[in-house]
């Protein structure tokens, strides 16, 4: 629990930050850097990406310093900005194939080969179990779209159903698979799932 002395000190630092004091900004950066870095790392799994996100967070703090209220919890405010930044990164990955490749490359570089192989085995096992739990028609639609790379229109023609029905099957399939990962996966496998299926998760 934060003592009144610590609270008063932080409020003082925040007041100085509002006035554009770079030393106050550095004091906040040094105080929160380690905890925030490890918090972000839990989601992105790559040290380099975690550091990039953290730098963006503190850059935003500096840009909006005059709008920070020293009377409110700065810690809660900071963590909320971190969560939003991670979410924005994942949404950007949904439409940027190059970024997804870059994230995967950084992820593979940040863990040992043996650990990465085990991680992918766990991921594939959870994914295949989730797919096998889908209804036969939904499973067929999912495999045609994801494993064979066919468009919704192509799948609709092949199965004799409407494009909207194909889309509905995919939306529900992704919902069930995501729930399966949340129940049986850990942070690492869930992160791989978010990278691999970013476009289906967010759009």
Protein backbone atom coordinates (compact mmCIF):
# COMPACT_ATOMS: atom_id res chain seq x y z
CA UNK A 1 0.00 0.00 0.00
CA UNK A 2 1.32 3.45 -0.85
CA UNK A 3 2.17 5.61 2.12
CA UNK A 4 1.04 9.23 2.38
CA UNK A 5 4.68 10.34 1.99
CA UNK A 6 5.02 8.40 -1.29
CA UNK A 7 1.68 9.75 -2.50
CA UNK A 8 2.71 13.31 -1.69
CA UNK A 9 6.04 12.81 -3.43
CA UNK A 10 4.43 11.48 -6.58
CA UNK A 11 1.91 14.28 -6.63
CA UNK A 12 4.78 16.75 -6.37
CA UNK A 13 6.60 15.05 -9.25
CA UNK A 14 3.42 15.12 -11.34
CA UNK A 15 2.95 18.83 -10.70
CA UNK A 16 6.52 19.43 -11.88
CA UNK A 17 5.85 17.21 -14.90
CA UNK A 18 2.87 19.38 -15.84
CA UNK A 19 5.25 22.33 -15.87
CA UNK A 20 7.54 20.56 -18.34
CA UNK A 21 10.22 19.50 -15.85
CA UNK A 22 12.33 16.85 -17.62
CA UNK A 23 13.83 15.65 -14.32
CA UNK A 24 10.32 14.89 -13.04
CA UNK A 25 9.62 12.94 -16.23
CA UNK A 26 12.85 10.95 -15.78
CA UNK A 27 11.96 10.24 -12.13
CA UNK A 28 8.60 8.76 -13.19
CA UNK A 29 10.23 6.81 -15.99
CA UNK A 30 12.81 5.26 -13.66
CA UNK A 31 10.18 4.52 -11.01
CA UNK A 32 7.75 2.67 -13.31
CA UNK A 33 9.96 1.34 -16.11
CA UNK A 34 10.75 -2.12 -14.73
CA UNK A 35 7.21 -2.98 -13.59
CA UNK A 36 5.61 -1.73 -16.80
CA UNK A 37 8.16 -3.48 -18.98
CA UNK A 38 7.40 -6.87 -17.41
CA UNK A 39 3.66 -6.15 -17.55
CA UNK A 40 3.81 -5.48 -21.31
CA UNK A 41 6.16 -8.43 -21.85
CA UNK A 42 3.45 -10.77 -20.51
CA UNK A 43 1.38 -9.89 -23.58
CA UNK A 44 3.87 -9.36 -26.39
CA UNK A 45 6.53 -11.96 -25.38
CA UNK A 46 9.29 -10.08 -27.20
CA UNK A 47 11.70 -7.92 -25.14
CA UNK A 48 12.35 -5.62 -28.11
CA UNK A 49 8.64 -5.09 -28.80
CA UNK A 50 7.90 -4.61 -25.09
CA UNK A 51 10.54 -1.90 -24.93
CA UNK A 52 9.16 -0.21 -28.06
CA UNK A 53 5.63 -0.19 -26.62
CA UNK A 54 6.93 1.18 -23.32
CA UNK A 55 8.81 4.01 -25.05
CA UNK A 56 5.63 4.93 -26.92
CA UNK A 57 3.70 4.95 -23.63
CA UNK A 58 6.12 7.37 -21.97
CA UNK A 59 6.24 9.51 -25.10
CA UNK A 60 2.47 9.83 -24.84
CA UNK A 61 2.79 10.74 -21.14
CA UNK A 62 5.13 13.56 -22.07
CA UNK A 63 2.84 14.77 -24.86
CA UNK A 64 -0.21 14.92 -22.57
CA UNK A 65 1.62 15.97 -19.40
CA UNK A 66 -0.46 19.14 -19.02
CA UNK A 67 -3.66 17.07 -18.88
CA UNK A 68 -2.53 14.74 -16.08
CA UNK A 69 -4.39 15.21 -12.80
CA UNK A 70 -1.98 14.81 -9.84
CA UNK A 71 -4.94 14.14 -7.55
CA UNK A 72 -5.86 10.91 -9.36
CA UNK A 73 -4.01 7.58 -9.44
CA UNK A 74 -1.20 8.02 -11.94
CA UNK A 75 -0.30 4.32 -11.67
CA UNK A 76 -3.78 3.22 -12.76
CA UNK A 77 -3.70 5.77 -15.58
CA UNK A 78 -0.30 4.52 -16.74
CA UNK A 79 -1.37 0.86 -16.80
CA UNK A 80 -4.51 1.76 -18.71
CA UNK A 81 -2.41 3.47 -21.39
CA UNK A 82 -0.20 0.35 -21.54
CA UNK A 83 -3.18 -1.93 -22.08
CA UNK A 84 -4.53 0.34 -24.80
CA UNK A 85 -1.14 0.46 -26.50
CA UNK A 86 -0.87 -3.35 -26.57
CA UNK A 87 -4.40 -3.61 -27.95
CA UNK A 88 -3.61 -1.08 -30.68
CA UNK A 89 -0.50 -3.07 -31.59
CA UNK A 90 -2.56 -6.25 -31.98
CA UNK A 91 -5.14 -4.43 -34.09
CA UNK A 92 -2.38 -3.06 -36.30
CA UNK A 93 -1.05 -6.58 -36.73
CA UNK A 94 -4.47 -7.61 -37.99
CA UNK A 95 -4.01 -5.54 -41.16
CA UNK A 96 -0.23 -5.49 -41.49
CA UNK A 97 1.29 -8.78 -42.64
CA UNK A 98 4.83 -7.36 -42.48
CA UNK A 99 4.33 -6.42 -38.84
CA UNK A 100 3.07 -9.91 -38.01
CA UNK A 101 6.16 -11.41 -39.63
CA UNK A 102 8.40 -9.00 -37.71
CA UNK A 103 6.70 -9.87 -34.42
CA UNK A 104 7.10 -13.58 -35.06
CA UNK A 105 10.77 -13.12 -35.94
CA UNK A 106 11.41 -11.22 -32.73
CA UNK A 107 9.51 -13.82 -30.77
CA UNK A 108 11.61 -16.66 -32.20
CA UNK A 109 14.80 -14.74 -31.44
CA UNK A 110 13.80 -14.18 -27.83
CA UNK A 111 13.46 -17.85 -26.85
CA UNK A 112 15.69 -20.88 -27.22
CA UNK A 113 15.08 -23.18 -30.19
CA UNK A 114 14.06 -26.07 -27.93
CA UNK A 115 11.62 -23.86 -26.02
CA UNK A 116 10.17 -22.50 -29.26
CA UNK A 117 9.67 -26.01 -30.66
CA UNK A 118 7.85 -27.05 -27.49
CA UNK A 119 5.75 -23.88 -27.58
CA UNK A 120 4.66 -24.56 -31.17
CA UNK A 121 3.83 -28.17 -30.31
CA UNK A 122 1.63 -26.99 -27.44
CA UNK A 123 0.03 -24.37 -29.65
CA UNK A 124 -0.73 -26.82 -32.46
CA UNK A 125 -2.14 -29.37 -30.02
CA UNK A 126 -4.53 -26.84 -28.47
CA UNK A 127 -5.53 -25.49 -31.89
CA UNK A 128 -6.26 -28.90 -33.40
CA UNK A 129 -8.30 -29.95 -30.36
CA UNK A 130 -10.31 -26.73 -30.63
CA UNK A 131 -10.93 -27.28 -34.35
CA UNK A 132 -11.94 -30.91 -33.78
CA UNK A 133 -14.51 -29.72 -31.23
CA UNK A 134 -16.34 -27.68 -33.87
CA UNK A 135 -19.45 -29.04 -35.54
CA UNK A 136 -18.71 -31.00 -38.77
CA UNK A 137 -19.95 -28.24 -41.11
CA UNK A 138 -18.22 -25.45 -39.17
CA UNK A 139 -15.02 -27.46 -39.06
CA UNK A 140 -15.19 -28.00 -42.83
CA UNK A 141 -15.70 -24.29 -43.46
CA UNK A 142 -12.85 -23.38 -41.13
CA UNK A 143 -10.40 -25.81 -42.72
CA UNK A 144 -11.28 -24.69 -46.25
CA UNK A 145 -10.80 -21.02 -45.33
CA UNK A 146 -7.78 -21.27 -43.05
CA UNK A 147 -5.88 -24.39 -44.13
CA UNK A 148 -6.61 -24.27 -47.86
CA UNK A 149 -6.71 -20.48 -48.08
CA UNK A 150 -9.99 -20.32 -49.98
CA UNK A 151 -12.12 -17.18 -50.02
CA UNK A 152 -15.59 -17.02 -48.52
CA UNK A 153 -17.07 -16.96 -52.03
CA UNK A 154 -15.11 -20.05 -53.08
CA UNK A 155 -16.16 -21.96 -49.97
CA UNK A 156 -19.77 -20.89 -50.46
CA UNK A 157 -19.75 -22.23 -54.03
CA UNK A 158 -18.05 -25.47 -53.05
CA UNK A 159 -20.44 -26.24 -50.19
CA UNK A 160 -23.57 -24.84 -51.81
CA UNK A 161 -24.25 -22.30 -49.07
CA UNK A 162 -24.38 -18.50 -49.00
CA UNK A 163 -21.36 -16.30 -48.39
CA UNK A 164 -23.04 -14.92 -45.25
CA UNK A 165 -23.39 -18.47 -43.91
CA UNK A 166 -19.67 -19.06 -44.47
CA UNK A 167 -18.88 -15.82 -42.67
CA UNK A 168 -21.15 -16.75 -39.77
CA UNK A 169 -19.45 -20.14 -39.46
CA UNK A 170 -16.03 -18.46 -39.36
CA UNK A 171 -17.06 -15.87 -36.77
CA UNK A 172 -18.51 -18.54 -34.48
CA UNK A 173 -15.55 -20.86 -35.08
CA UNK A 174 -13.09 -18.14 -34.07
CA UNK A 175 -15.15 -17.35 -30.99
CA UNK A 176 -15.11 -21.00 -29.86
CA UNK A 177 -11.41 -21.48 -30.66
CA UNK A 178 -10.51 -18.28 -28.80
CA UNK A 179 -12.48 -19.48 -25.77
CA UNK A 180 -10.67 -22.84 -25.96
CA UNK A 181 -7.28 -21.10 -25.88
CA UNK A 182 -8.37 -18.97 -22.94
CA UNK A 183 -9.37 -22.10 -21.05
CA UNK A 184 -6.56 -24.50 -21.94
CA UNK A 185 -3.69 -22.32 -23.18
CA UNK A 186 -1.22 -20.14 -21.35
CA UNK A 187 -0.04 -16.60 -22.11
CA UNK A 188 2.45 -17.76 -24.76
CA UNK A 189 0.13 -20.01 -26.75
CA UNK A 190 -2.68 -17.44 -26.52
CA UNK A 191 -0.30 -14.82 -27.89
CA UNK A 192 0.60 -17.05 -30.84
CA UNK A 193 -3.11 -17.51 -31.45
CA UNK A 194 -3.68 -13.74 -31.49
CA UNK A 195 -0.81 -13.25 -33.96
CA UNK A 196 -1.87 -16.07 -36.27
CA UNK A 197 -5.56 -15.19 -36.32
CA UNK A 198 -5.31 -11.43 -35.82
CA UNK A 199 -7.54 -10.52 -38.77
CA UNK A 200 -10.33 -12.90 -37.70
CA UNK A 201 -10.17 -11.79 -34.05
CA UNK A 202 -10.47 -8.07 -34.66
CA UNK A 203 -12.53 -7.93 -37.85
